[in-house]
Amino acid sequence: PESFLKSAGNSGIHQVVGGVLGGSALRRPDRSDSSNILVIGSESKGISSNVLELISHKVSIPSAPGAPTESLNAAVACGILLHWFAVK
């Protein structure tokens, strides 16, 4: 994964977005360039530190006050994030 992400900028990738606990609040990406990569880590360990260093935008899924966000599994979190980026 690291070598792929390192070469992504040379391939026209606009930004590398990582879904992490405690990241910035989600915001709509720039629609003029849809060349983004979404990185999701494993449920138990998250994204490795080597890959985290290559992520340009760390985002989190907002939750209701008091709701545990860490209860989402990786597939559900990925689906929510993909929907968020796809909706115009």
N, C-alpha and C. Protein backbone atom coordinates (compact mmCIF):
# COMPACT_ATOMS: atom_id res chain seq x y z
N PRO A 1 0.81 -1.22 0.00
CA PRO A 1 0.00 0.00 0.00
C PRO A 1 0.85 1.27 0.00
N GLU A 2 1.98 1.27 0.73
CA GLU A 2 2.78 2.49 0.81
C GLU A 2 3.32 2.91 -0.56
N SER A 3 3.85 1.97 -1.32
CA SER A 3 4.42 2.32 -2.62
C SER A 3 3.34 2.83 -3.57
N PHE A 4 2.16 2.24 -3.51
CA PHE A 4 1.05 2.71 -4.34
C PHE A 4 0.68 4.14 -3.98
N LEU A 5 0.54 4.43 -2.68
CA LEU A 5 0.15 5.77 -2.26
C LEU A 5 1.24 6.79 -2.56
N LYS A 6 2.51 6.39 -2.45
CA LYS A 6 3.61 7.31 -2.77
C LYS A 6 3.59 7.70 -4.23
N SER A 7 3.21 6.78 -5.10
CA SER A 7 3.19 7.08 -6.53
C SER A 7 1.86 7.67 -6.99
N ALA A 8 0.89 7.75 -6.12
CA ALA A 8 -0.45 8.23 -6.50
C ALA A 8 -0.42 9.66 -7.01
N GLY A 9 0.37 10.52 -6.42
CA GLY A 9 0.44 11.91 -6.85
C GLY A 9 0.90 12.04 -8.29
N ASN A 10 1.77 11.15 -8.72
CA ASN A 10 2.25 11.16 -10.09
C ASN A 10 1.21 10.62 -11.06
N SER A 11 0.16 10.00 -10.53
CA SER A 11 -0.89 9.40 -11.36
C SER A 11 -2.13 10.28 -11.44
N GLY A 12 -2.04 11.52 -10.96
CA GLY A 12 -3.17 12.43 -11.04
C GLY A 12 -4.14 12.34 -9.87
N ILE A 13 -3.76 11.68 -8.79
CA ILE A 13 -4.63 11.59 -7.61
C ILE A 13 -4.62 12.94 -6.89
N HIS A 14 -5.79 13.46 -6.62
CA HIS A 14 -5.93 14.78 -6.00
C HIS A 14 -5.59 14.73 -4.51
N GLN A 15 -6.17 13.79 -3.78
CA GLN A 15 -5.90 13.69 -2.35
C GLN A 15 -6.12 12.26 -1.87
N VAL A 16 -5.44 11.94 -0.78
CA VAL A 16 -5.60 10.64 -0.13
C VAL A 16 -6.35 10.89 1.17
N VAL A 17 -7.54 10.32 1.28
CA VAL A 17 -8.41 10.53 2.43
C VAL A 17 -8.41 9.25 3.26
N GLY A 18 -8.22 9.39 4.56
CA GLY A 18 -8.23 8.23 5.45
C GLY A 18 -9.32 8.37 6.49
N GLY A 19 -10.08 7.30 6.67
CA GLY A 19 -11.10 7.27 7.71
C GLY A 19 -10.45 6.85 9.02
N VAL A 20 -10.39 7.78 9.96
CA VAL A 20 -9.73 7.51 11.25
C VAL A 20 -10.60 8.00 12.40
N LEU A 21 -10.43 7.40 13.54
CA LEU A 21 -11.11 7.86 14.74
C LEU A 21 -10.44 9.15 15.20
N GLY A 22 -11.21 10.20 15.40
CA GLY A 22 -10.65 11.47 15.86
C GLY A 22 -10.14 12.37 14.74
N GLY A 23 -10.49 12.08 13.48
CA GLY A 23 -10.09 12.93 12.37
C GLY A 23 -10.98 14.15 12.27
N SER A 24 -10.76 14.95 11.26
CA SER A 24 -11.56 16.15 11.02
C SER A 24 -12.98 15.76 10.65
N ALA A 25 -13.89 16.68 10.87
CA ALA A 25 -15.27 16.44 10.47
C ALA A 25 -15.32 16.33 8.95
N LEU A 26 -16.18 15.46 8.46
CA LEU A 26 -16.31 15.28 7.02
C LEU A 26 -16.73 16.57 6.36
N ARG A 27 -16.16 16.83 5.20
CA ARG A 27 -16.61 17.95 4.37
C ARG A 27 -16.62 17.46 2.94
N ARG A 28 -17.45 18.05 2.16
CA ARG A 28 -17.58 17.63 0.76
C ARG A 28 -16.27 17.87 0.02
N PRO A 29 -15.83 16.91 -0.76
CA PRO A 29 -14.60 17.12 -1.53
C PRO A 29 -14.83 18.06 -2.71
N ASP A 30 -13.77 18.58 -3.25
CA ASP A 30 -13.83 19.45 -4.42
C ASP A 30 -14.36 18.64 -5.59
N ARG A 31 -15.50 19.02 -6.13
CA ARG A 31 -16.13 18.28 -7.22
C ARG A 31 -15.43 18.50 -8.56
N SER A 32 -14.54 19.51 -8.65
CA SER A 32 -13.86 19.74 -9.92
C SER A 32 -12.83 18.65 -10.20
N ASP A 33 -12.43 17.92 -9.18
CA ASP A 33 -11.46 16.84 -9.36
C ASP A 33 -11.89 15.68 -8.48
N SER A 34 -12.35 14.62 -9.10
CA SER A 34 -12.84 13.48 -8.33
C SER A 34 -11.79 12.38 -8.19
N SER A 35 -10.53 12.71 -8.42
CA SER A 35 -9.47 11.72 -8.32
C SER A 35 -8.94 11.65 -6.90
N ASN A 36 -9.63 10.91 -6.08
CA ASN A 36 -9.26 10.75 -4.68
C ASN A 36 -9.12 9.27 -4.35
N ILE A 37 -8.36 8.98 -3.33
CA ILE A 37 -8.24 7.62 -2.80
C ILE A 37 -8.79 7.63 -1.39
N LEU A 38 -9.61 6.64 -1.07
CA LEU A 38 -10.13 6.48 0.29
C LEU A 38 -9.44 5.28 0.92
N VAL A 39 -8.84 5.50 2.09
CA VAL A 39 -8.15 4.44 2.82
C VAL A 39 -8.93 4.12 4.08
N ILE A 40 -9.23 2.83 4.27
CA ILE A 40 -9.91 2.35 5.47
C ILE A 40 -9.02 1.29 6.10
N GLY A 41 -8.82 1.36 7.39
CA GLY A 41 -7.98 0.38 8.07
C GLY A 41 -8.79 -0.80 8.59
N SER A 42 -8.09 -1.71 9.22
CA SER A 42 -8.77 -2.87 9.80
C SER A 42 -9.57 -2.44 11.02
N GLU A 43 -10.53 -3.26 11.38
CA GLU A 43 -11.39 -2.91 12.52
C GLU A 43 -10.63 -2.91 13.84
N SER A 44 -9.69 -3.79 14.01
CA SER A 44 -9.00 -3.89 15.29
C SER A 44 -7.79 -2.97 15.40
N LYS A 45 -7.10 -2.70 14.28
CA LYS A 45 -5.86 -1.93 14.35
C LYS A 45 -5.90 -0.59 13.62
N GLY A 46 -6.91 -0.37 12.81
CA GLY A 46 -6.97 0.88 12.06
C GLY A 46 -5.97 0.90 10.92
N ILE A 47 -5.59 2.08 10.51
CA ILE A 47 -4.63 2.26 9.41
C ILE A 47 -3.22 2.22 10.00
N SER A 48 -2.32 1.51 9.35
CA SER A 48 -0.95 1.39 9.86
C SER A 48 -0.27 2.75 9.89
N SER A 49 0.70 2.92 10.77
CA SER A 49 1.40 4.20 10.91
C SER A 49 2.12 4.59 9.63
N ASN A 50 2.66 3.62 8.89
CA ASN A 50 3.33 3.92 7.63
C ASN A 50 2.37 4.52 6.61
N VAL A 51 1.16 3.99 6.55
CA VAL A 51 0.16 4.50 5.62
C VAL A 51 -0.42 5.82 6.12
N LEU A 52 -0.60 5.96 7.44
CA LEU A 52 -1.13 7.21 8.00
C LEU A 52 -0.28 8.41 7.60
N GLU A 53 1.02 8.23 7.51
CA GLU A 53 1.92 9.32 7.14
C GLU A 53 1.66 9.82 5.72
N LEU A 54 1.06 8.98 4.88
CA LEU A 54 0.84 9.32 3.47
C LEU A 54 -0.56 9.88 3.20
N ILE A 55 -1.39 9.96 4.23
CA ILE A 55 -2.76 10.45 4.07
C ILE A 55 -2.78 11.96 4.21
N SER A 56 -3.38 12.62 3.23
CA SER A 56 -3.42 14.08 3.24
C SER A 56 -4.61 14.63 4.04
N HIS A 57 -5.70 13.87 4.13
CA HIS A 57 -6.89 14.31 4.86
C HIS A 57 -7.41 13.17 5.72
N LYS A 58 -7.38 13.35 7.03
CA LYS A 58 -7.90 12.35 7.96
C LYS A 58 -9.30 12.81 8.38
N VAL A 59 -10.29 11.96 8.13
CA VAL A 59 -11.68 12.32 8.41
C VAL A 59 -12.33 11.29 9.31
N SER A 60 -13.37 11.72 10.01
CA SER A 60 -14.16 10.85 10.87
C SER A 60 -15.64 11.01 10.53
N ILE A 61 -16.38 9.97 10.80
CA ILE A 61 -17.82 10.00 10.60
C ILE A 61 -18.45 10.63 11.83
N PRO A 62 -19.22 11.71 11.66
CA PRO A 62 -19.85 12.32 12.83
C PRO A 62 -20.89 11.38 13.44
N SER A 63 -21.05 11.47 14.73
CA SER A 63 -22.04 10.64 15.41
C SER A 63 -22.89 11.50 16.33
N ALA A 64 -23.97 10.92 16.77
CA ALA A 64 -24.82 11.62 17.73
C ALA A 64 -24.07 11.75 19.05
N PRO A 65 -24.33 12.80 19.80
CA PRO A 65 -23.64 12.97 21.08
C PRO A 65 -23.80 11.73 21.97
N GLY A 66 -22.67 11.23 22.45
CA GLY A 66 -22.69 10.07 23.33
C GLY A 66 -22.69 8.73 22.63
N ALA A 67 -22.85 8.73 21.29
CA ALA A 67 -22.88 7.46 20.56
C ALA A 67 -21.44 7.00 20.29
N PRO A 68 -21.15 5.72 20.49
CA PRO A 68 -19.78 5.24 20.28
C PRO A 68 -19.49 5.03 18.79
N THR A 69 -18.61 5.85 18.22
CA THR A 69 -18.28 5.72 16.80
C THR A 69 -17.41 4.50 16.53
N GLU A 70 -16.69 4.03 17.52
CA GLU A 70 -15.82 2.88 17.29
C GLU A 70 -16.61 1.58 17.15
N SER A 71 -17.92 1.63 17.26
CA SER A 71 -18.72 0.42 17.10
C SER A 71 -18.97 0.08 15.63
N LEU A 72 -18.65 0.99 14.70
CA LEU A 72 -18.84 0.70 13.27
C LEU A 72 -17.76 -0.27 12.80
N ASN A 73 -18.16 -1.25 11.99
CA ASN A 73 -17.11 -2.09 11.42
C ASN A 73 -16.57 -1.42 10.16
N ALA A 74 -15.46 -1.93 9.64
CA ALA A 74 -14.77 -1.29 8.52
C ALA A 74 -15.66 -1.20 7.28
N ALA A 75 -16.43 -2.24 7.00
CA ALA A 75 -17.28 -2.23 5.80
C ALA A 75 -18.37 -1.17 5.91
N VAL A 76 -18.99 -1.04 7.06
CA VAL A 76 -20.04 -0.03 7.26
C VAL A 76 -19.43 1.37 7.17
N ALA A 77 -18.30 1.57 7.83
CA ALA A 77 -17.64 2.88 7.78
C ALA A 77 -17.27 3.23 6.35
N CYS A 78 -16.74 2.28 5.60
CA CYS A 78 -16.37 2.51 4.20
C CYS A 78 -17.61 2.89 3.39
N GLY A 79 -18.70 2.20 3.58
CA GLY A 79 -19.94 2.50 2.86
C GLY A 79 -20.44 3.90 3.14
N ILE A 80 -20.39 4.31 4.41
CA ILE A 80 -20.83 5.66 4.78
C ILE A 80 -19.93 6.70 4.13
N LEU A 81 -18.62 6.49 4.19
CA LEU A 81 -17.69 7.45 3.60
C LEU A 81 -17.82 7.52 2.08
N LEU A 82 -17.98 6.37 1.43
CA LEU A 82 -18.15 6.38 -0.02
C LEU A 82 -19.43 7.11 -0.42
N HIS A 83 -20.49 6.90 0.34
CA HIS A 83 -21.74 7.62 0.07
C HIS A 83 -21.54 9.13 0.24
N TRP A 84 -20.88 9.50 1.30
CA TRP A 84 -20.64 10.91 1.59
C TRP A 84 -19.92 11.58 0.42
N PHE A 85 -18.90 10.92 -0.12
CA PHE A 85 -18.13 11.51 -1.22
C PHE A 85 -18.89 11.44 -2.54
N ALA A 86 -19.81 10.52 -2.69
CA ALA A 86 -20.53 10.35 -3.96
C ALA A 86 -21.72 11.29 -4.10
N VAL A 87 -22.34 11.68 -2.99
CA VAL A 87 -23.54 12.53 -3.03
C VAL A 87 -23.15 13.93 -3.45
N LYS A 88 -23.89 14.45 -4.41
CA LYS A 88 -23.57 15.80 -4.91
C LYS A 88 -24.34 16.86 -4.17
